[in-house]
N, C-alpha and C. Protein backbone atom coordinates (compact mmCIF):
# COMPACT_ATOMS: atom_id res chain seq x y z
N UNK A 1 50.57 183.12 2.88
CA UNK A 1 50.08 183.31 4.24
C UNK A 1 50.10 181.97 4.97
N UNK A 2 50.72 181.96 6.12
CA UNK A 2 50.84 180.74 6.92
C UNK A 2 49.50 180.44 7.59
N UNK A 3 49.05 179.16 7.53
CA UNK A 3 47.79 178.79 8.22
C UNK A 3 47.89 179.11 9.71
N UNK A 4 46.76 179.53 10.27
CA UNK A 4 46.74 179.89 11.68
C UNK A 4 46.28 178.73 12.56
N UNK A 5 46.76 178.72 13.77
CA UNK A 5 46.29 177.76 14.76
C UNK A 5 44.96 178.31 15.28
N UNK A 6 44.00 177.42 15.45
CA UNK A 6 42.70 177.82 16.00
C UNK A 6 42.51 177.10 17.33
N UNK A 7 42.27 177.85 18.38
CA UNK A 7 41.94 177.26 19.68
C UNK A 7 40.70 177.98 20.19
N UNK A 8 39.67 177.22 20.46
CA UNK A 8 38.43 177.77 20.98
C UNK A 8 38.06 177.05 22.27
N UNK A 9 37.49 177.76 23.21
CA UNK A 9 37.02 177.13 24.43
C UNK A 9 35.67 176.45 24.15
N UNK A 10 35.26 175.60 25.05
CA UNK A 10 33.98 174.89 24.89
C UNK A 10 32.85 175.89 24.67
N UNK A 11 32.04 175.64 23.67
CA UNK A 11 30.90 176.50 23.36
C UNK A 11 31.22 177.69 22.48
N UNK A 12 32.51 177.96 22.24
CA UNK A 12 32.90 179.12 21.43
C UNK A 12 32.83 178.79 19.95
N UNK A 13 32.69 179.81 19.14
CA UNK A 13 32.62 179.68 17.69
C UNK A 13 31.48 180.52 17.16
N UNK A 14 31.23 180.41 15.88
CA UNK A 14 30.13 181.15 15.26
C UNK A 14 28.86 180.33 15.41
N UNK A 15 27.92 180.86 16.18
CA UNK A 15 26.74 180.10 16.58
C UNK A 15 25.52 180.49 15.75
N UNK A 16 24.73 179.48 15.40
CA UNK A 16 23.48 179.66 14.67
C UNK A 16 22.38 178.95 15.44
N UNK A 17 21.35 179.71 15.82
CA UNK A 17 20.25 179.18 16.63
C UNK A 17 19.03 178.89 15.75
N UNK A 18 18.48 177.70 15.91
CA UNK A 18 17.24 177.29 15.26
C UNK A 18 16.37 176.66 16.33
N UNK A 19 15.07 176.54 16.13
CA UNK A 19 14.22 175.95 17.18
C UNK A 19 14.71 174.54 17.57
N UNK A 20 15.12 174.40 18.83
CA UNK A 20 15.56 173.11 19.35
C UNK A 20 16.91 172.66 18.86
N UNK A 21 17.61 173.51 18.08
CA UNK A 21 18.86 173.09 17.47
C UNK A 21 19.84 174.27 17.46
N UNK A 22 21.11 173.95 17.70
CA UNK A 22 22.16 174.97 17.68
C UNK A 22 23.37 174.42 16.93
N UNK A 23 23.87 175.20 15.98
CA UNK A 23 25.10 174.85 15.26
C UNK A 23 26.18 175.85 15.67
N UNK A 24 27.36 175.32 15.97
CA UNK A 24 28.49 176.17 16.35
C UNK A 24 29.65 175.82 15.43
N UNK A 25 30.00 176.75 14.56
CA UNK A 25 31.10 176.52 13.62
C UNK A 25 32.44 176.85 14.28
N UNK A 26 33.33 175.88 14.26
CA UNK A 26 34.64 175.99 14.89
C UNK A 26 35.71 176.42 13.88
N UNK A 27 35.59 175.95 12.66
CA UNK A 27 36.52 176.31 11.58
C UNK A 27 35.73 176.20 10.28
N UNK A 28 35.96 177.16 9.40
CA UNK A 28 35.24 177.09 8.12
C UNK A 28 36.17 177.41 6.97
N UNK A 29 35.60 177.58 5.79
CA UNK A 29 36.40 177.67 4.58
C UNK A 29 37.43 178.79 4.61
N UNK A 30 37.14 179.91 5.25
CA UNK A 30 38.09 181.01 5.30
C UNK A 30 39.35 180.61 6.07
N UNK A 31 39.20 179.74 7.04
CA UNK A 31 40.32 179.33 7.89
C UNK A 31 41.01 178.06 7.39
N UNK A 32 40.35 177.32 6.50
CA UNK A 32 40.91 176.04 6.04
C UNK A 32 41.20 176.03 4.54
N UNK A 33 41.20 177.21 3.92
CA UNK A 33 41.39 177.33 2.47
C UNK A 33 40.39 176.45 1.72
N UNK A 34 39.14 176.44 2.24
CA UNK A 34 38.01 175.71 1.65
C UNK A 34 38.17 174.19 1.70
N UNK A 35 39.13 173.67 2.48
CA UNK A 35 39.36 172.22 2.54
C UNK A 35 38.27 171.50 3.34
N UNK A 36 37.75 172.14 4.40
CA UNK A 36 36.74 171.51 5.26
C UNK A 36 36.10 172.57 6.14
N UNK A 37 34.97 172.21 6.72
CA UNK A 37 34.33 173.00 7.78
C UNK A 37 34.13 172.06 8.97
N UNK A 38 34.26 172.59 10.17
CA UNK A 38 34.03 171.81 11.39
C UNK A 38 32.98 172.54 12.21
N UNK A 39 31.96 171.78 12.64
CA UNK A 39 30.89 172.39 13.44
C UNK A 39 30.34 171.38 14.43
N UNK A 40 29.80 171.91 15.52
CA UNK A 40 29.04 171.11 16.49
C UNK A 40 27.56 171.32 16.18
N UNK A 41 26.77 170.26 16.30
CA UNK A 41 25.32 170.35 16.15
C UNK A 41 24.70 169.77 17.41
N UNK A 42 23.94 170.60 18.13
CA UNK A 42 23.29 170.21 19.38
C UNK A 42 21.79 170.26 19.20
N UNK A 43 21.12 169.18 19.56
CA UNK A 43 19.66 169.14 19.48
C UNK A 43 19.08 168.91 20.87
N UNK A 44 18.04 169.66 21.18
CA UNK A 44 17.31 169.46 22.41
C UNK A 44 16.60 168.11 22.37
N UNK A 45 16.15 167.61 23.52
CA UNK A 45 15.43 166.34 23.54
C UNK A 45 14.23 166.35 22.58
N UNK A 46 14.02 165.21 21.94
CA UNK A 46 12.86 164.99 21.07
C UNK A 46 12.76 166.05 19.96
N UNK A 47 13.90 166.36 19.33
CA UNK A 47 13.94 167.37 18.29
C UNK A 47 14.38 166.75 16.96
N UNK A 48 13.65 167.08 15.91
CA UNK A 48 14.06 166.63 14.59
C UNK A 48 15.15 167.56 14.07
N UNK A 49 15.91 167.05 13.12
CA UNK A 49 17.01 167.83 12.56
C UNK A 49 16.62 168.57 11.30
N UNK A 50 17.54 168.66 10.35
CA UNK A 50 17.32 169.48 9.17
C UNK A 50 16.40 168.86 8.12
N UNK A 51 16.12 167.58 8.22
CA UNK A 51 15.35 166.89 7.19
C UNK A 51 16.29 166.15 6.25
N UNK A 52 15.80 165.09 5.64
CA UNK A 52 16.63 164.27 4.75
C UNK A 52 17.12 165.10 3.57
N UNK A 53 18.42 164.98 3.30
CA UNK A 53 19.04 165.73 2.21
C UNK A 53 20.34 165.06 1.82
N UNK A 54 20.97 165.53 0.76
CA UNK A 54 22.28 165.03 0.37
C UNK A 54 23.12 166.20 -0.15
N UNK A 55 24.41 165.97 -0.23
CA UNK A 55 25.36 166.94 -0.76
C UNK A 55 26.11 166.25 -1.90
N UNK A 56 25.92 166.73 -3.10
CA UNK A 56 26.50 166.06 -4.27
C UNK A 56 28.02 165.99 -4.27
N UNK A 57 28.66 167.01 -3.71
CA UNK A 57 30.11 167.09 -3.82
C UNK A 57 30.83 167.06 -2.48
N UNK A 58 30.12 166.72 -1.40
CA UNK A 58 30.74 166.80 -0.07
C UNK A 58 30.54 165.54 0.73
N UNK A 59 31.64 165.00 1.26
CA UNK A 59 31.56 163.94 2.27
C UNK A 59 31.26 164.61 3.60
N UNK A 60 30.64 163.85 4.51
CA UNK A 60 30.45 164.34 5.87
C UNK A 60 30.91 163.26 6.84
N UNK A 61 31.49 163.73 7.94
CA UNK A 61 31.88 162.86 9.04
C UNK A 61 31.15 163.37 10.27
N UNK A 62 30.52 162.45 10.99
CA UNK A 62 29.88 162.77 12.26
C UNK A 62 30.57 161.99 13.37
N UNK A 63 30.81 162.67 14.48
CA UNK A 63 31.44 162.06 15.66
C UNK A 63 30.60 162.44 16.87
N UNK A 64 30.13 161.44 17.60
CA UNK A 64 29.28 161.69 18.76
C UNK A 64 30.01 162.38 19.87
N UNK A 65 29.42 163.48 20.41
CA UNK A 65 30.06 164.23 21.49
C UNK A 65 29.17 164.38 22.72
N UNK A 66 27.91 163.95 22.63
CA UNK A 66 27.04 164.05 23.80
C UNK A 66 25.70 163.41 23.53
N UNK A 67 25.18 162.69 24.49
CA UNK A 67 23.89 162.03 24.32
C UNK A 67 23.93 161.02 23.19
N UNK A 68 22.76 160.71 22.64
CA UNK A 68 22.66 159.78 21.52
C UNK A 68 21.82 160.43 20.42
N UNK A 69 22.40 160.54 19.25
CA UNK A 69 21.72 161.11 18.09
C UNK A 69 21.41 159.99 17.11
N UNK A 70 20.20 160.01 16.56
CA UNK A 70 19.84 159.07 15.49
C UNK A 70 20.23 159.73 14.17
N UNK A 71 21.01 159.01 13.34
CA UNK A 71 21.47 159.55 12.07
C UNK A 71 21.01 158.63 10.95
N UNK A 72 20.31 159.20 10.00
CA UNK A 72 19.85 158.47 8.82
C UNK A 72 20.95 158.47 7.78
N UNK A 73 21.25 157.29 7.23
CA UNK A 73 22.18 157.15 6.11
C UNK A 73 21.48 156.27 5.09
N UNK A 74 21.12 156.84 3.95
CA UNK A 74 20.34 156.10 2.98
C UNK A 74 18.96 155.82 3.55
N UNK A 75 18.66 154.56 3.80
CA UNK A 75 17.38 154.19 4.39
C UNK A 75 17.51 153.61 5.80
N UNK A 76 18.73 153.66 6.35
CA UNK A 76 19.00 153.04 7.66
C UNK A 76 19.37 154.09 8.70
N UNK A 77 18.75 153.99 9.90
CA UNK A 77 19.06 154.87 11.02
C UNK A 77 20.14 154.23 11.88
N UNK A 78 21.07 155.04 12.35
CA UNK A 78 22.16 154.61 13.23
C UNK A 78 22.14 155.47 14.48
N UNK A 79 22.26 154.86 15.66
CA UNK A 79 22.40 155.62 16.90
C UNK A 79 23.87 155.94 17.09
N UNK A 80 24.17 157.24 17.27
CA UNK A 80 25.54 157.70 17.42
C UNK A 80 25.68 158.35 18.80
N UNK A 81 26.51 157.74 19.65
CA UNK A 81 26.77 158.26 20.98
C UNK A 81 28.19 158.77 21.09
N UNK A 82 28.57 159.25 22.27
CA UNK A 82 29.92 159.79 22.46
C UNK A 82 31.00 158.80 22.02
N UNK A 83 31.88 159.28 21.16
CA UNK A 83 32.98 158.46 20.65
C UNK A 83 32.66 157.68 19.41
N UNK A 84 31.38 157.61 19.02
CA UNK A 84 31.02 156.89 17.79
C UNK A 84 31.33 157.74 16.57
N UNK A 85 31.73 157.09 15.48
CA UNK A 85 32.18 157.73 14.26
C UNK A 85 31.33 157.25 13.09
N UNK A 86 30.98 158.16 12.19
CA UNK A 86 30.19 157.81 11.02
C UNK A 86 30.62 158.68 9.85
N UNK A 87 31.00 158.04 8.73
CA UNK A 87 31.34 158.77 7.51
C UNK A 87 30.21 158.57 6.51
N UNK A 88 29.77 159.68 5.89
CA UNK A 88 28.71 159.63 4.90
C UNK A 88 29.29 160.13 3.57
N UNK A 89 29.36 159.27 2.56
CA UNK A 89 29.92 159.70 1.27
C UNK A 89 29.04 160.73 0.57
N UNK A 90 29.66 161.55 -0.26
CA UNK A 90 28.94 162.53 -1.07
C UNK A 90 27.80 161.85 -1.83
N UNK A 91 26.69 162.56 -1.97
CA UNK A 91 25.56 162.04 -2.72
C UNK A 91 24.64 161.12 -1.95
N UNK A 92 24.92 160.86 -0.68
CA UNK A 92 24.12 159.94 0.14
C UNK A 92 23.07 160.72 0.93
N UNK A 93 21.82 160.29 0.85
CA UNK A 93 20.74 160.89 1.63
C UNK A 93 21.04 160.68 3.12
N UNK A 94 20.88 161.74 3.93
CA UNK A 94 21.12 161.63 5.37
C UNK A 94 20.31 162.67 6.12
N UNK A 95 20.20 162.46 7.41
CA UNK A 95 19.48 163.34 8.31
C UNK A 95 19.92 162.99 9.72
N UNK A 96 19.54 163.79 10.70
CA UNK A 96 19.77 163.43 12.10
C UNK A 96 18.67 164.01 12.95
N UNK A 97 18.43 163.35 14.09
CA UNK A 97 17.42 163.83 15.04
C UNK A 97 17.74 163.25 16.41
N UNK A 98 17.21 163.92 17.41
CA UNK A 98 17.38 163.47 18.79
C UNK A 98 16.07 162.84 19.25
N UNK A 99 16.07 161.53 19.38
CA UNK A 99 14.87 160.80 19.80
C UNK A 99 14.83 160.54 21.30
N UNK A 100 15.79 161.08 22.04
CA UNK A 100 15.91 160.78 23.46
C UNK A 100 15.38 161.93 24.32
N UNK A 101 15.42 161.72 25.63
CA UNK A 101 14.98 162.73 26.58
C UNK A 101 16.13 163.59 27.10
N UNK A 102 17.31 163.49 26.48
CA UNK A 102 18.47 164.28 26.88
C UNK A 102 19.04 165.01 25.66
N UNK A 103 19.68 166.11 25.90
CA UNK A 103 20.35 166.86 24.82
C UNK A 103 21.39 165.96 24.15
N UNK A 104 21.56 166.11 22.84
CA UNK A 104 22.53 165.29 22.11
C UNK A 104 23.32 166.15 21.14
N UNK A 105 24.60 165.77 20.93
CA UNK A 105 25.46 166.56 20.05
C UNK A 105 26.33 165.70 19.16
N UNK A 106 26.60 166.27 17.98
CA UNK A 106 27.49 165.66 17.00
C UNK A 106 28.54 166.68 16.58
N UNK A 107 29.76 166.22 16.39
CA UNK A 107 30.78 167.03 15.75
C UNK A 107 30.74 166.66 14.27
N UNK A 108 30.71 167.67 13.39
CA UNK A 108 30.57 167.44 11.97
C UNK A 108 31.78 168.00 11.22
N UNK A 109 32.31 167.19 10.30
CA UNK A 109 33.34 167.62 9.37
C UNK A 109 32.72 167.57 7.98
N UNK A 110 32.70 168.69 7.28
CA UNK A 110 32.10 168.83 5.96
C UNK A 110 33.26 169.04 4.99
N UNK A 111 33.42 168.08 4.04
CA UNK A 111 34.62 168.04 3.22
C UNK A 111 34.26 167.98 1.73
N UNK A 112 34.71 168.92 0.87
CA UNK A 112 35.42 170.14 1.23
C UNK A 112 34.51 171.13 1.94
N UNK A 113 35.08 172.23 2.38
CA UNK A 113 34.37 173.21 3.19
C UNK A 113 33.36 174.04 2.43
N UNK A 114 32.76 174.96 3.15
CA UNK A 114 31.82 175.89 2.56
C UNK A 114 30.41 175.81 3.08
N UNK A 115 30.10 174.82 3.93
CA UNK A 115 28.73 174.66 4.39
C UNK A 115 28.22 175.89 5.14
N UNK A 116 29.12 176.57 5.82
CA UNK A 116 28.71 177.72 6.63
C UNK A 116 28.05 178.81 5.79
N UNK A 117 28.32 178.85 4.48
CA UNK A 117 27.65 179.82 3.60
C UNK A 117 26.14 179.65 3.62
N UNK A 118 25.67 178.42 3.87
CA UNK A 118 24.24 178.11 3.86
C UNK A 118 23.53 178.48 5.16
N UNK A 119 24.27 178.73 6.24
CA UNK A 119 23.64 178.87 7.55
C UNK A 119 22.66 180.04 7.67
N UNK A 120 22.94 181.23 7.16
CA UNK A 120 21.92 182.28 7.28
C UNK A 120 20.59 181.90 6.62
N UNK A 121 20.63 181.27 5.46
CA UNK A 121 19.39 180.85 4.79
C UNK A 121 18.70 179.74 5.57
N UNK A 122 19.46 178.83 6.17
CA UNK A 122 18.88 177.74 6.96
C UNK A 122 18.19 178.31 8.20
N UNK A 123 18.85 179.23 8.89
CA UNK A 123 18.26 179.86 10.07
C UNK A 123 16.97 180.57 9.68
N UNK A 124 16.98 181.31 8.58
CA UNK A 124 15.77 182.01 8.12
C UNK A 124 14.66 181.03 7.77
N UNK A 125 15.00 179.91 7.14
CA UNK A 125 13.99 178.91 6.79
C UNK A 125 13.30 178.40 8.06
N UNK A 126 14.09 178.09 9.09
CA UNK A 126 13.52 177.61 10.35
C UNK A 126 12.65 178.68 11.01
N UNK A 127 13.05 179.94 10.92
CA UNK A 127 12.23 181.02 11.49
C UNK A 127 10.88 181.09 10.79
N UNK A 128 10.88 180.93 9.48
CA UNK A 128 9.65 181.03 8.71
C UNK A 128 8.79 179.78 8.74
N UNK A 129 9.42 178.61 8.91
CA UNK A 129 8.70 177.34 8.80
C UNK A 129 8.68 176.51 10.07
N UNK A 130 9.54 176.86 11.04
CA UNK A 130 9.68 176.06 12.24
C UNK A 130 8.67 176.42 13.23
């Protein structure tokens, strides 16, 4: 089967809503043969993210697409704005949050893919605990 071209308009994709946070998956394992997942993460002003965590077998790349997001890598916070790039190696503790008064967004590449499998459980966790 030949890989398909994916073209989505702004805001399109599989969307997951959490309090103060929205994830929009643009491409996931079914479309990339599990090679990677691509998603946008948007946080409202003064919103914390998912909490510090790591992925044992997955690298992550964050690219700033709007506002300024604070991203934790290990024990150091980095401000990521539009056009800024950050690679986080597998096994590294990380988190993100919006500490500003404006909406902020990151484009995320999760390598290899499969992160989208976790989204229903993550959304449910936020509903129960958020």
